[in-house]
Structures are given as C-alpha cells and as structure tokens.
C-alpha cells in the first residue's frame, strides 16, 4: 500500500479503466476513486475503487486527480468541478 495518497480518475473508459486497473495492484479500493458519466463503468470497476457521484465529489475526496476523458469533454468536466 502507498502512504494514504488518494488518487482519483475522472473518466473510466479505455484509458481511465486501464489506469485504475494498473493502480489497483498497488493501491487498495479505499485509496482509488473514480467518476464516469456512465454509472455502469463505475460499477464494473467497483471492486477496484470507490465510486464518486460527481466530478466535484471526486476532486474533494482526492489528493491527485487524473483526467482521462476526451479533450472536448474537459471543459464540461472542469465546469462541473467548479460548480
């Protein structure tokens, strides 16, 4: 286990899901957080992470956030965090 650093991944598609799967070998699910607009992706990875209900919740819960969405989605994601 790492030293309590909480890592979040916004976007759990191919890239974000792969990042979570890679980190899951080192981090426990209580230190990995994820958010995706498709709740089914969160549920699929629930054994590896703690699902977040919104981008803002993800950012509040984590020390590090990895943005793993397509570039055209980034502005909306950041607006959701700011709101």
Protein backbone atom coordinates (compact mmCIF):
# COMPACT_ATOMS: atom_id res chain seq x y z
CA UNK A 1 0.00 0.00 0.00
CA UNK A 2 1.03 3.57 -0.62
CA UNK A 3 1.01 6.15 2.14
CA UNK A 4 -2.63 7.16 2.17
CA UNK A 5 -2.47 9.24 -1.01
CA UNK A 6 -5.93 9.19 -2.55
CA UNK A 7 -5.95 9.06 -6.34
CA UNK A 8 -8.99 9.80 -8.47
CA UNK A 9 -9.62 9.14 -12.14
CA UNK A 10 -12.23 11.19 -13.99
CA UNK A 11 -13.36 9.11 -16.96
CA UNK A 12 -13.37 5.33 -16.69
CA UNK A 13 -13.33 4.36 -20.35
CA UNK A 14 -10.42 2.57 -22.01
CA UNK A 15 -7.72 4.92 -20.72
CA UNK A 16 -9.14 5.61 -17.25
CA UNK A 17 -10.14 1.99 -16.71
CA UNK A 18 -6.63 0.85 -17.62
CA UNK A 19 -5.10 3.39 -15.22
CA UNK A 20 -7.33 2.14 -12.40
CA UNK A 21 -6.51 -1.49 -13.20
CA UNK A 22 -2.80 -0.72 -13.12
CA UNK A 23 -3.01 1.20 -9.85
CA UNK A 24 -5.21 -1.46 -8.24
CA UNK A 25 -2.17 -3.71 -7.92
CA UNK A 26 -0.58 -1.19 -5.55
CA UNK A 27 -3.48 0.76 -4.06
CA UNK A 28 -6.49 -0.53 -2.14
CA UNK A 29 -10.01 0.45 -3.26
CA UNK A 30 -10.33 2.90 -0.36
CA UNK A 31 -7.46 4.95 -1.87
CA UNK A 32 -8.67 4.83 -5.50
CA UNK A 33 -11.66 6.85 -6.60
CA UNK A 34 -13.39 7.06 -9.95
CA UNK A 35 -16.09 9.01 -11.75
CA UNK A 36 -17.73 8.48 -15.11
CA UNK A 37 -20.96 9.84 -16.58
CA UNK A 38 -21.81 6.22 -17.33
CA UNK A 39 -22.52 4.81 -13.88
CA UNK A 40 -22.18 1.26 -15.22
CA UNK A 41 -18.45 1.85 -15.70
CA UNK A 42 -18.13 2.78 -12.03
CA UNK A 43 -20.00 -0.36 -11.04
CA UNK A 44 -17.84 -2.54 -13.28
CA UNK A 45 -14.72 -1.27 -11.50
CA UNK A 46 -16.29 -1.05 -8.02
CA UNK A 47 -14.12 -3.89 -6.70
CA UNK A 48 -11.03 -1.78 -7.53
CA UNK A 49 -12.19 1.71 -6.50
CA UNK A 50 -14.58 3.88 -4.56
CA UNK A 51 -17.14 5.36 -6.98
CA UNK A 52 -17.80 9.12 -6.86
CA UNK A 53 -21.19 10.54 -7.74
CA UNK A 54 -19.84 13.70 -9.39
CA UNK A 55 -16.60 15.26 -10.61
CA UNK A 56 -16.75 17.73 -7.70
CA UNK A 57 -17.03 14.89 -5.18
CA UNK A 58 -14.07 13.15 -6.83
CA UNK A 59 -11.90 16.27 -6.57
CA UNK A 60 -12.86 16.87 -2.93
CA UNK A 61 -12.03 13.27 -1.97
CA UNK A 62 -8.62 13.01 -3.68
CA UNK A 63 -5.10 14.31 -3.37
CA UNK A 64 -4.37 13.61 -7.05
CA UNK A 65 -6.89 13.61 -9.91
CA UNK A 66 -6.12 12.14 -13.33
CA UNK A 67 -8.30 13.48 -16.14
CA UNK A 68 -8.92 10.59 -18.54
CA UNK A 69 -11.61 12.00 -20.83
CA UNK A 70 -11.53 13.09 -24.45
CA UNK A 71 -10.28 16.67 -24.93
CA UNK A 72 -13.67 18.01 -25.97
CA UNK A 73 -15.16 16.82 -22.64
CA UNK A 74 -12.55 18.55 -20.43
CA UNK A 75 -14.28 21.98 -20.33
CA UNK A 76 -17.58 20.45 -19.16
CA UNK A 77 -15.77 18.32 -16.60
CA UNK A 78 -13.97 21.36 -15.20
CA UNK A 79 -17.19 23.39 -15.12
CA UNK A 80 -18.85 20.58 -13.16
CA UNK A 81 -15.98 20.70 -10.66
CA UNK A 82 -16.20 24.48 -10.37
CA UNK A 83 -19.98 24.45 -9.76
